Structures are given as structure tokens and as C-alpha cells.
PDB file of N, CA and C in Angstrom:
ATOM      1  N   MET A   1      83.182 117.965 109.287  1.00  0.00           N
ATOM      2  CA  MET A   1      84.088 116.529 109.426  1.00  0.00           C
ATOM      3  C   MET A   1      84.985 117.298 108.181  1.00  0.00           C
ATOM      4  N   ILE A   2      86.683 117.141 108.543  1.00  0.00           N
ATOM      5  CA  ILE A   2      87.122 117.117 107.135  1.00  0.00           C
ATOM      6  C   ILE A   2      87.771 116.648 106.655  1.00  0.00           C
ATOM      7  N   MET A   3      88.044 115.857 105.501  1.00  0.00           N
ATOM      8  CA  MET A   3      88.332 114.939 104.898  1.00  0.00           C
ATOM      9  C   MET A   3      89.788 114.782 104.263  1.00  0.00           C
ATOM     10  N   SER A   4      90.295 114.055 104.496  1.00  0.00           N
ATOM     11  CA  SER A   4      91.860 113.825 104.168  1.00  0.00           C
ATOM     12  C   SER A   4      91.732 113.571 102.873  1.00  0.00           C
ATOM     13  N   LYS A   5      93.400 114.422 102.421  1.00  0.00           N
ATOM     14  CA  LYS A   5      93.320 114.611 100.857  1.00  0.00           C
ATOM     15  C   LYS A   5      94.380 113.201 100.517  1.00  0.00           C
ATOM     16  N   PHE A   6      93.709 112.173 100.086  1.00  0.00           N
ATOM     17  CA  PHE A   6      94.316 110.980  99.099  1.00  0.00           C
ATOM     18  C   PHE A   6      95.612 111.860  98.119  1.00  0.00           C
ATOM     19  N   MET A   7      96.865 110.741  98.623  1.00  0.00           N
ATOM     20  CA  MET A   7      98.102 110.751  97.775  1.00  0.00           C
ATOM     21  C   MET A   7      98.133 109.326  97.389  1.00  0.00           C
ATOM     22  N   ARG A   8      98.647 109.772  96.191  1.00  0.00           N
ATOM     23  CA  ARG A   8      99.405 108.359  95.771  1.00  0.00           C
ATOM     24  C   ARG A   8     101.138 108.036  96.007  1.00  0.00           C
ATOM     25  N   LEU A   9     101.571 107.368  96.354  1.00  0.00           N
ATOM     26  CA  LEU A   9     103.116 107.499  97.035  1.00  0.00           C
ATOM     27  C   LEU A   9     103.701 106.541  95.537  1.00  0.00           C
ATOM     28  N   ILE A  10     104.402 107.360  94.828  1.00  0.00           N
ATOM     29  CA  ILE A  10     105.140 106.165  94.025  1.00  0.00           C
ATOM     30  C   ILE A  10     107.258 105.818  94.091  1.00  0.00           C
ATOM     31  N   VAL A  11     106.753 104.608  94.032  1.00  0.00           N
ATOM     32  CA  VAL A  11     108.855 103.963  94.129  1.00  0.00           C
ATOM     33  C   VAL A  11     109.333 103.680  92.504  1.00  0.00           C
ATOM     34  N   PHE A  12     109.934 104.020  92.533  1.00  0.00           N
ATOM     35  CA  PHE A  12     110.513 104.059  90.970  1.00  0.00           C
ATOM     36  C   PHE A  12     111.939 103.615  91.198  1.00  0.00           C
ATOM     37  N   PHE A  13     112.352 101.849  91.550  1.00  0.00           N
ATOM     38  CA  PHE A  13     113.545 101.262  91.710  1.00  0.00           C
ATOM     39  C   PHE A  13     114.480 100.549  90.247  1.00  0.00           C
ATOM     40  N   ASP A  14     115.948 100.663  90.825  1.00  0.00           N
ATOM     41  CA  ASP A  14     116.794  99.801  89.859  1.00  0.00           C
ATOM     42  C   ASP A  14     117.571  99.235  90.722  1.00  0.00           C
ATOM     43  N   ILE A  15     117.286  98.203  90.890  1.00  0.00           N
ATOM     44  CA  ILE A  15     118.626  97.319  92.329  1.00  0.00           C
ATOM     45  C   ILE A  15     119.324  96.449  91.245  1.00  0.00           C
ATOM     46  N   PRO A  16     120.513  96.188  91.471  1.00  0.00           N
ATOM     47  CA  PRO A  16     121.452  95.144  90.363  1.00  0.00           C
ATOM     48  C   PRO A  16     120.673  93.890  90.908  1.00  0.00           C
ATOM     49  N   THR A  17     120.997  93.168  90.017  1.00  0.00           N
ATOM     50  CA  THR A  17     120.624  91.795  90.382  1.00  0.00           C
ATOM     51  C   THR A  17     121.805  90.735  89.416  1.00  0.00           C
ATOM     52  N   LYS A  18     123.323  90.951  89.391  1.00  0.00           N
ATOM     53  CA  LYS A  18     124.485  90.354  88.913  1.00  0.00           C
ATOM     54  C   LYS A  18     124.705  89.370  89.333  1.00  0.00           C
ATOM     55  N   THR A  19     124.510  89.283  90.877  1.00  0.00           N
ATOM     56  CA  THR A  19     124.898  88.034  92.152  1.00  0.00           C
ATOM     57  C   THR A  19     123.804  87.694  92.704  1.00  0.00           C
ATOM     58  N   LYS A  20     124.404  86.455  93.682  1.00  0.00           N
ATOM     59  CA  LYS A  20     123.067  85.976  94.338  1.00  0.00           C
ATOM     60  C   LYS A  20     122.546  87.104  95.264  1.00  0.00           C
ATOM     61  N   LYS A  21     123.490  87.451  95.956  1.00  0.00           N
ATOM     62  CA  LYS A  21     123.041  88.319  97.058  1.00  0.00           C
ATOM     63  C   LYS A  21     122.599  89.553  96.374  1.00  0.00           C
ATOM     64  N   ASP A  22     122.623  90.735  95.590  1.00  0.00           N
ATOM     65  CA  ASP A  22     121.593  91.088  94.722  1.00  0.00           C
ATOM     66  C   ASP A  22     120.782  90.454  94.592  1.00  0.00           C
ATOM     67  N   ARG A  23     120.167  89.797  93.876  1.00  0.00           N
ATOM     68  CA  ARG A  23     119.214  89.612  93.707  1.00  0.00           C
ATOM     69  C   ARG A  23     118.056  88.892  94.978  1.00  0.00           C
ATOM     70  N   ARG A  24     118.703  88.417  96.086  1.00  0.00           N
ATOM     71  CA  ARG A  24     118.130  88.684  97.409  1.00  0.00           C
ATOM     72  C   ARG A  24     117.681  89.795  98.097  1.00  0.00           C
ATOM     73  N   CYS A  25     118.658  90.634  98.112  1.00  0.00           N
ATOM     74  CA  CYS A  25     118.779  91.800  97.999  1.00  0.00           C
ATOM     75  C   CYS A  25     116.980  92.472  97.058  1.00  0.00           C
ATOM     76  N   ALA A  26     117.354  92.689  96.219  1.00  0.00           N
ATOM     77  CA  ALA A  26     116.191  92.724  95.154  1.00  0.00           C
ATOM     78  C   ALA A  26     114.594  92.332  95.639  1.00  0.00           C
ATOM     79  N   TYR A  27     115.122  90.420  95.479  1.00  0.00           N
ATOM     80  CA  TYR A  27     113.807  90.485  96.078  1.00  0.00           C
ATOM     81  C   TYR A  27     112.987  90.806  97.411  1.00  0.00           C
ATOM     82  N   SER A  28     113.594  91.007  98.694  1.00  0.00           N
ATOM     83  CA  SER A  28     113.920  91.587  99.639  1.00  0.00           C
ATOM     84  C   SER A  28     112.655  92.983  99.995  1.00  0.00           C
ATOM     85  N   PHE A  29     113.273  93.812  98.628  1.00  0.00           N
ATOM     86  CA  PHE A  29     112.860  95.294  98.984  1.00  0.00           C
ATOM     87  C   PHE A  29     111.648  95.611  98.109  1.00  0.00           C
ATOM     88  N   ARG A  30     111.300  94.503  97.036  1.00  0.00           N
ATOM     89  CA  ARG A  30     109.734  94.000  96.377  1.00  0.00           C
ATOM     90  C   ARG A  30     108.786  93.477  97.500  1.00  0.00           C
ATOM     91  N   LYS A  31     109.213  92.839  98.694  1.00  0.00           N
ATOM     92  CA  LYS A  31     108.745  91.905  99.235  1.00  0.00           C
ATOM     93  C   LYS A  31     107.981  92.981 100.249  1.00  0.00           C
ATOM     94  N   PHE A  32     109.093  93.467 100.851  1.00  0.00           N
ATOM     95  CA  PHE A  32     108.909  94.585 101.558  1.00  0.00           C
ATOM     96  C   PHE A  32     107.212  94.895 100.959  1.00  0.00           C
ATOM     97  N   LEU A  33     108.044  96.090  99.323  1.00  0.00           N
ATOM     98  CA  LEU A  33     106.484  97.386  98.786  1.00  0.00           C
ATOM     99  C   LEU A  33     105.473  96.355  98.697  1.00  0.00           C
ATOM    100  N   LEU A  34     105.881  95.638  98.107  1.00  0.00           N
ATOM    101  CA  LEU A  34     104.239  94.256  98.521  1.00  0.00           C
ATOM    102  C   LEU A  34     103.520  93.987  99.730  1.00  0.00           C
ATOM    103  N   ASN A  35     103.985  93.888 100.691  1.00  0.00           N
ATOM    104  CA  ASN A  35     103.365  93.878 102.068  1.00  0.00           C
ATOM    105  C   ASN A  35     103.099  94.521 103.035  1.00  0.00           C
ATOM    106  N   ASP A  36     103.791  95.985 102.432  1.00  0.00           N
ATOM    107  CA  ASP A  36     103.355  97.761 103.075  1.00  0.00           C
ATOM    108  C   ASP A  36     102.293  98.418 102.098  1.00  0.00           C
ATOM    109  N   GLY A  37     101.775  97.375 101.169  1.00  0.00           N
ATOM    110  CA  GLY A  37     100.254  97.935 100.449  1.00  0.00           C
ATOM    111  C   GLY A  37     100.431  98.579  98.933  1.00  0.00           C
ATOM    112  N   TYR A  38     101.800  98.088  98.438  1.00  0.00           N
ATOM    113  CA  TYR A  38     102.699  98.917  97.529  1.00  0.00           C
ATOM    114  C   TYR A  38     101.808  97.746  95.985  1.00  0.00           C
ATOM    115  N   CYS A  39     101.486  98.273  94.664  1.00  0.00           N
ATOM    116  CA  CYS A  39     100.588  97.230  93.761  1.00  0.00           C
ATOM    117  C   CYS A  39     102.036  97.482  92.648  1.00  0.00           C
ATOM    118  N   MET A  40     102.672  96.764  91.947  1.00  0.00           N
ATOM    119  CA  MET A  40     102.988  97.170  90.484  1.00  0.00           C
ATOM    120  C   MET A  40     102.715  97.905  89.275  1.00  0.00           C
ATOM    121  N   LEU A  41     102.999  98.642  89.349  1.00  0.00           N
ATOM    122  CA  LEU A  41     102.041  99.744  87.612  1.00  0.00           C
ATOM    123  C   LEU A  41     103.224  99.103  86.596  1.00  0.00           C
ATOM    124  N   GLN A  42     104.539  98.930  86.851  1.00  0.00           N
ATOM    125  CA  GLN A  42     105.295  98.275  85.882  1.00  0.00           C
ATOM    126  C   GLN A  42     106.508  97.409  86.750  1.00  0.00           C
ATOM    127  N   TYR A  43     107.434  97.256  85.554  1.00  0.00           N
ATOM    128  CA  TYR A  43     108.545  96.494  86.314  1.00  0.00           C
ATOM    129  C   TYR A  43     109.285  97.814  87.258  1.00  0.00           C
ATOM    130  N   SER A  44     109.469  97.671  88.386  1.00  0.00           N
ATOM    131  CA  SER A  44     110.579  98.492  89.278  1.00  0.00           C
ATOM    132  C   SER A  44     109.457  99.875  89.381  1.00  0.00           C
ATOM    133  N   VAL A  45     108.527  99.487  89.286  1.00  0.00           N
ATOM    134  CA  VAL A  45     107.258 100.727  89.487  1.00  0.00           C
ATOM    135  C   VAL A  45     106.554 100.300  90.444  1.00  0.00           C
ATOM    136  N   TYR A  46     106.372 100.754  91.767  1.00  0.00           N
ATOM    137  CA  TYR A  46     105.394 100.645  92.629  1.00  0.00           C
ATOM    138  C   TYR A  46     104.554 101.951  93.087  1.00  0.00           C
ATOM    139  N   VAL A  47     103.118 101.327  93.448  1.00  0.00           N
ATOM    140  CA  VAL A  47     102.934 102.575  93.804  1.00  0.00           C
ATOM    141  C   VAL A  47     101.132 102.493  94.593  1.00  0.00           C
ATOM    142  N   ARG A  48     101.475 103.444  96.294  1.00  0.00           N
ATOM    143  CA  ARG A  48     100.276 102.776  97.178  1.00  0.00           C
ATOM    144  C   ARG A  48      99.243 104.160  97.091  1.00  0.00           C
ATOM    145  N   VAL A  49      98.490 104.239  97.514  1.00  0.00           N
ATOM    146  CA  VAL A  49      97.481 104.745  98.231  1.00  0.00           C
ATOM    147  C   VAL A  49      98.125 105.182  99.467  1.00  0.00           C
ATOM    148  N   CYS A  50      97.698 106.703  99.911  1.00  0.00           N
ATOM    149  CA  CYS A  50      98.054 107.420 101.747  1.00  0.00           C
ATOM    150  C   CYS A  50      96.793 107.926 101.528  1.00  0.00           C
ATOM    151  N   ASN A  51      95.995 108.123 102.903  1.00  0.00           N
ATOM    152  CA  ASN A  51      95.396 109.189 103.413  1.00  0.00           C
ATOM    153  C   ASN A  51      96.121 110.478 104.171  1.00  0.00           C
ATOM    154  N   GLY A  52      96.231 111.009 102.933  1.00  0.00           N
ATOM    155  CA  GLY A  52      96.860 112.331 103.527  1.00  0.00           C
ATOM    156  C   GLY A  52      98.564 112.557 104.348  1.00  0.00           C
ATOM    157  N   MET A  53      99.049 113.675 104.370  1.00  0.00           N
ATOM    158  CA  MET A  53     100.612 113.744 104.114  1.00  0.00           C
ATOM    159  C   MET A  53     101.161 113.167 105.384  1.00  0.00           C
ATOM    160  N   ASP A  54     100.295 112.563 105.984  1.00  0.00           N
ATOM    161  CA  ASP A  54     100.790 112.066 107.641  1.00  0.00           C
ATOM    162  C   ASP A  54     101.133 110.634 107.224  1.00  0.00           C
ATOM    163  N   ALA A  55     100.169 109.772 106.731  1.00  0.00           N
ATOM    164  CA  ALA A  55     100.177 108.568 106.037  1.00  0.00           C
ATOM    165  C   ALA A  55     100.920 108.510 105.411  1.00  0.00           C
ATOM    166  N   GLU A  56     101.750 109.182 104.320  1.00  0.00           N
ATOM    167  CA  GLU A  56     102.759 109.699 103.020  1.00  0.00           C
ATOM    168  C   GLU A  56     103.955 109.795 104.507  1.00  0.00           C
ATOM    169  N   ARG A  57     104.015 110.135 104.994  1.00  0.00           N
ATOM    170  CA  ARG A  57     104.625 110.178 105.730  1.00  0.00           C
ATOM    171  C   ARG A  57     106.138 109.045 106.707  1.00  0.00           C
ATOM    172  N   LYS A  58     104.758 108.778 107.064  1.00  0.00           N
ATOM    173  CA  LYS A  58     104.382 107.376 108.014  1.00  0.00           C
ATOM    174  C   LYS A  58     105.217 106.631 107.245  1.00  0.00           C
ATOM    175  N   HIS A  59     104.598 106.643 105.529  1.00  0.00           N
ATOM    176  CA  HIS A  59     105.289 105.422 104.618  1.00  0.00           C
ATOM    177  C   HIS A  59     106.377 105.688 103.929  1.00  0.00           C
ATOM    178  N   GLU A  60     106.519 106.599 103.849  1.00  0.00           N
ATOM    179  CA  GLU A  60     108.605 107.519 103.888  1.00  0.00           C
ATOM    180  C   GLU A  60     108.813 106.554 104.587  1.00  0.00           C
ATOM    181  N   GLY A  61     109.001 106.911 105.786  1.00  0.00           N
ATOM    182  CA  GLY A  61     109.898 106.132 106.666  1.00  0.00           C
ATOM    183  C   GLY A  61     109.898 104.662 106.793  1.00  0.00           C
ATOM    184  N   ARG A  62     109.033 104.251 106.833  1.00  0.00           N
ATOM    185  CA  ARG A  62     108.943 102.700 106.130  1.00  0.00           C
ATOM    186  C   ARG A  62     109.798 102.822 105.126  1.00  0.00           C
ATOM    187  N   LEU A  63     109.664 102.915 104.090  1.00  0.00           N
ATOM    188  CA  LEU A  63     110.427 102.758 102.928  1.00  0.00           C
ATOM    189  C   LEU A  63     112.033 102.820 102.924  1.00  0.00           C
ATOM    190  N   ASN A  64     112.079 104.294 103.993  1.00  0.00           N
ATOM    191  CA  ASN A  64     113.943 104.295 104.606  1.00  0.00           C
ATOM    192  C   ASN A  64     114.457 102.803 105.490  1.00  0.00           C
ATOM    193  N   GLU A  65     113.799 102.795 106.014  1.00  0.00           N
ATOM    194  CA  GLU A  65     114.588 101.623 107.139  1.00  0.00           C
ATOM    195  C   GLU A  65     114.279 100.362 106.341  1.00  0.00           C
ATOM    196  N   ASN A  66     113.651 100.305 104.567  1.00  0.00           N
ATOM    197  CA  ASN A  66     114.124  99.170 104.212  1.00  0.00           C
ATOM    198  C   ASN A  66     114.620  99.398 102.768  1.00  0.00           C
ATOM    199  N   LEU A  67     115.419 100.291 102.531  1.00  0.00           N
ATOM    200  CA  LEU A  67     115.863 100.421 101.274  1.00  0.00           C
ATOM    201  C   LEU A  67     116.976  99.560 101.066  1.00  0.00           C
ATOM    202  N   PRO A  68     117.348  98.916  99.675  1.00  0.00           N
ATOM    203  CA  PRO A  68     117.990  98.444  99.671  1.00  0.00           C
ATOM    204  C   PRO A  68     119.431  98.871  99.883  1.00  0.00           C
ATOM    205  N   GLU A  69     120.485  97.629  99.738  1.00  0.00           N
ATOM    206  CA  GLU A  69     122.254  98.492  99.960  1.00  0.00           C
ATOM    207  C   GLU A  69     122.708  99.310  99.167  1.00  0.00           C
ATOM    208  N   THR A  70     122.664  98.922  97.302  1.00  0.00           N
ATOM    209  CA  THR A  70     123.183  99.396  96.391  1.00  0.00           C
ATOM    210  C   THR A  70     121.933  99.628  95.667  1.00  0.00           C
ATOM    211  N   GLY A  71     122.254 100.599  94.280  1.00  0.00           N
ATOM    212  CA  GLY A  71     121.607 101.028  93.298  1.00  0.00           C
ATOM    213  C   GLY A  71     120.512 101.756  93.113  1.00  0.00           C
ATOM    214  N   SER A  72     119.397 102.409  92.992  1.00  0.00           N
ATOM    215  CA  SER A  72     118.923 103.724  92.916  1.00  0.00           C
ATOM    216  C   SER A  72     117.229 103.472  93.494  1.00  0.00           C
ATOM    217  N   VAL A  73     116.906 104.296  94.154  1.00  0.00           N
ATOM    218  CA  VAL A  73     115.583 104.001  94.774  1.00  0.00           C
ATOM    219  C   VAL A  73     115.243 105.412  94.149  1.00  0.00           C
ATOM    220  N   ARG A  74     113.845 105.761  94.007  1.00  0.00           N
ATOM    221  CA  ARG A  74     113.449 107.370  93.841  1.00  0.00           C
ATOM    222  C   ARG A  74     111.913 107.530  94.250  1.00  0.00           C
ATOM    223  N   MET A  75     111.809 108.237  95.038  1.00  0.00           N
ATOM    224  CA  MET A  75     110.264 107.827  95.384  1.00  0.00           C
ATOM    225  C   MET A  75     109.055 109.661  94.913  1.00  0.00           C
ATOM    226  N   LEU A  76     108.598 109.456  94.667  1.00  0.00           N
ATOM    227  CA  LEU A  76     106.904 111.019  93.584  1.00  0.00           C
ATOM    228  C   LEU A  76     105.615 110.569  94.702  1.00  0.00           C
ATOM    229  N   VAL A  77     105.631 111.755  95.450  1.00  0.00           N
ATOM    230  CA  VAL A  77     103.650 111.895  95.873  1.00  0.00           C
ATOM    231  C   VAL A  77     103.013 112.963  94.623  1.00  0.00           C
ATOM    232  N   LEU A  78     102.336 112.410  94.656  1.00  0.00           N
ATOM    233  CA  LEU A  78     101.146 112.742  93.600  1.00  0.00           C
ATOM    234  C   LEU A  78      99.602 112.661  95.103  1.00  0.00           C
ATOM    235  N   THR A  79      98.793 114.475  94.183  1.00  0.00           N
ATOM    236  CA  THR A  79      97.813 113.589  94.545  1.00  0.00           C
ATOM    237  C   THR A  79      96.501 113.253  93.824  1.00  0.00           C
ATOM    238  N   ASP A  80      95.991 112.171  94.823  1.00  0.00           N
ATOM    239  CA  ASP A  80      94.800 111.318  92.971  1.00  0.00           C
ATOM    240  C   ASP A  80      94.184 112.055  92.188  1.00  0.00           C
ATOM    241  N   LYS A  81      94.303 113.688  92.180  1.00  0.00           N
ATOM    242  CA  LYS A  81      93.701 114.189  90.877  1.00  0.00           C
ATOM    243  C   LYS A  81      94.888 114.331  89.973  1.00  0.00           C
ATOM    244  N   GLN A  82      95.940 114.454  90.368  1.00  0.00           N
ATOM    245  CA  GLN A  82      97.253 114.188  89.711  1.00  0.00           C
ATOM    246  C   GLN A  82      97.582 112.920  89.091  1.00  0.00           C
ATOM    247  N   TYR A  83      97.344 112.056  89.458  1.00  0.00           N
ATOM    248  CA  TYR A  83      97.809 110.483  89.930  1.00  0.00           C
ATOM    249  C   TYR A  83      96.531 110.194  88.566  1.00  0.00           C
ATOM    250  N   SER A  84      95.397 110.516  88.580  1.00  0.00           N
ATOM    251  CA  SER A  84      94.428 109.867  87.857  1.00  0.00           C
ATOM    252  C   SER A  84      94.530 110.462  86.457  1.00  0.00           C
ATOM    253  N   SER A  85      94.973 111.738  86.248  1.00  0.00           N
ATOM    254  CA  SER A  85      95.038 112.229  84.890  1.00  0.00           C
ATOM    255  C   SER A  85      95.893 111.731  83.824  1.00  0.00           C
ATOM    256  N   MET A  86      96.581 110.421  84.389  1.00  0.00           N
ATOM    257  CA  MET A  86      97.684 109.553  83.881  1.00  0.00           C
ATOM    258  C   MET A  86      97.556 108.615  82.856  1.00  0.00           C
ATOM    259  N   LYS A  87      98.459 109.033  81.695  1.00  0.00           N
ATOM    260  CA  LYS A  87      97.383 107.909  80.475  1.00  0.00           C
ATOM    261  C   LYS A  87      97.863 106.795  80.100  1.00  0.00           C
ATOM    262  N   ILE A  88      97.486 105.714  79.819  1.00  0.00           N
ATOM    263  CA  ILE A  88      98.386 104.660  79.170  1.00  0.00           C
ATOM    264  C   ILE A  88      98.377 104.585  78.019  1.00  0.00           C
ATOM    265  N   LEU A  89      99.867 104.816  77.289  1.00  0.00           N
ATOM    266  CA  LEU A  89      99.592 105.207  75.933  1.00  0.00           C
ATOM    267  C   LEU A  89     100.217 103.482  74.855  1.00  0.00           C
ATOM    268  N   VAL A  90     100.242 102.687  75.966  1.00  0.00           N
ATOM    269  CA  VAL A  90     100.751 101.500  75.074  1.00  0.00           C
ATOM    270  C   VAL A  90     100.387  99.754  76.318  1.00  0.00           C
ATOM    271  N   GLY A  91      99.329  99.878  75.982  1.00  0.00           N
ATOM    272  CA  GLY A  91      99.215  98.759  77.183  1.00  0.00           C
ATOM    273  C   GLY A  91      97.651  98.553  77.665  1.00  0.00           C
ATOM    274  N   THR A  92      97.263  97.798  78.455  1.00  0.00           N
ATOM    275  CA  THR A  92      96.528  98.377  79.381  1.00  0.00           C
ATOM    276  C   THR A  92      96.161  98.252  80.989  1.00  0.00           C
ATOM    277  N   THR A  93      94.993  98.733  82.377  1.00  0.00           N
ATOM    278  CA  THR A  93      95.503  98.623  83.165  1.00  0.00           C
ATOM    279  C   THR A  93      95.224  97.424  83.965  1.00  0.00           C
ATOM    280  N   LYS A  94      96.492  97.134  84.312  1.00  0.00           N
ATOM    281  CA  LYS A  94      96.362  96.147  85.031  1.00  0.00           C
ATOM    282  C   LYS A  94      95.629  95.309  85.636  1.00  0.00           C
ATOM    283  N   LYS A  95      95.259  94.358  86.588  1.00  0.00           N
ATOM    284  CA  LYS A  95      93.767  93.609  87.280  1.00  0.00           C
ATOM    285  C   LYS A  95      94.232  94.196  88.618  1.00  0.00           C
ATOM    286  N   GLU A  96      95.780  94.325  89.055  1.00  0.00           N
ATOM    287  CA  GLU A  96      95.500  94.976  90.677  1.00  0.00           C
ATOM    288  C   GLU A  96      95.620  96.629  90.760  1.00  0.00           C
ATOM    289  N   GLU A  97      95.707  97.471  89.160  1.00  0.00           N
ATOM    290  CA  GLU A  97      94.960  98.845  89.576  1.00  0.00           C
ATOM    291  C   GLU A  97      93.993  98.950  89.502  1.00  0.00           C
ATOM    292  N   LYS A  98      93.254  97.979  88.961  1.00  0.00           N
ATOM    293  CA  LYS A  98      91.855  97.832  89.082  1.00  0.00           C
ATOM    294  C   LYS A  98      91.292  97.501  90.814  1.00  0.00           C
ATOM    295  N   GLY A  99      91.627  96.453  91.104  1.00  0.00           N
ATOM    296  CA  GLY A  99      91.415  96.119  92.308  1.00  0.00           C
ATOM    297  C   GLY A  99      91.960  96.829  93.150  1.00  0.00           C
ATOM    298  N   SER A 100      92.792  97.911  93.176  1.00  0.00           N
ATOM    299  CA  SER A 100      93.317  99.241  94.511  1.00  0.00           C
ATOM    300  C   SER A 100      92.174 100.288  94.785  1.00  0.00           C
ATOM    301  N   ILE A 101      92.214 100.470  94.852  1.00  0.00           N
ATOM    302  CA  ILE A 101      90.930 101.702  95.448  1.00  0.00           C
ATOM    303  C   ILE A 101      90.048 102.782  95.219  1.00  0.00           C
ATOM    304  N   ASN A 102      89.545 102.321  94.503  1.00  0.00           N
ATOM    305  CA  ASN A 102      88.696 103.902  93.576  1.00  0.00           C
ATOM    306  C   ASN A 102      87.594 104.870  94.146  1.00  0.00           C
ATOM    307  N   LEU A 103      88.983 105.668  94.111  1.00  0.00           N
ATOM    308  CA  LEU A 103      88.547 107.458  95.441  1.00  0.00           C
ATOM    309  C   LEU A 103      87.093 107.662  95.126  1.00  0.00           C
ATOM    310  N   LEU A 104      86.706 107.744  93.324  1.00  0.00           N
ATOM    311  CA  LEU A 104      85.386 108.361  93.491  1.00  0.00           C
ATOM    312  C   LEU A 104      84.187 107.555  94.271  1.00  0.00           C
ATOM    313  N   ASP A 105      84.259 106.034  94.320  1.00  0.00           N
ATOM    314  CA  ASP A 105      83.314 104.924  94.778  1.00  0.00           C
ATOM    315  C   ASP A 105      83.185 105.782  96.300  1.00  0.00           C
ATOM    316  N   ILE A 106      84.275 106.162  96.886  1.00  0.00           N
ATOM    317  CA  ILE A 106      84.455 106.618  98.527  1.00  0.00           C
ATOM    318  C   ILE A 106      83.116 107.498  98.379  1.00  0.00           C
ATOM    319  N   ILE A 107      83.654 108.833  97.515  1.00  0.00           N
ATOM    320  CA  ILE A 107      82.793 109.598  98.185  1.00  0.00           C
ATOM    321  C   ILE A 107      81.464 109.640  97.704  1.00  0.00           C
TER     322      ILE A 107
END
């Protein structure tokens, strides 16, 4: 049995919120991310687990279908090993992060 390689898809965004329309657009994009399984790492930085490159491509497609009209949105894909090497320099791990899947518990 071949195991898939777990990936982390990280989305960084900066969306204007000056007008009511801008705020509605930013809220809709954030709501999409949460409904699609992302959790917030920091303000405007969201992450989700993907089970292999096929799932990553599927969620990238969903992301492209729901992009805001203005602003800046970036995406970064990391292996779970790369993601786990991230260091928190100030602050602590958030409750949402602790609740997300711990891949070492699965294996």
C-alpha cells in the first residue's frame, strides 16, 4: 500500500477594507477559506492539510474560483515535514492549530 504525502497549503492575503464593498469581499473570502477547511495561523494567513498533490491541485482550483477582485493573494505548498520545522518566535500555538490533524498520530 502506497501512502500519500501530506502537504500543507498556506494562503497569504492582503485585501483592502476601506469601503463596505471591500469589507464584504474580504469577509466572503475569509468565510470561503474557513468553509474549505483552512484554519487561521495569523491574520490573513490560513493553512490546510492536503492528502497528496491531487488534493492540493483540487483546493488550488477552488481557491482560484473564489479569489477576491482586488488585493493580493499568494499560495505556498509545503510538505508536512517542512511545515513541522516552522518555529514560533513570539507567541504560542493557537487552539485551532492544536485541533488540526497531527500526522504523527495517524502513522
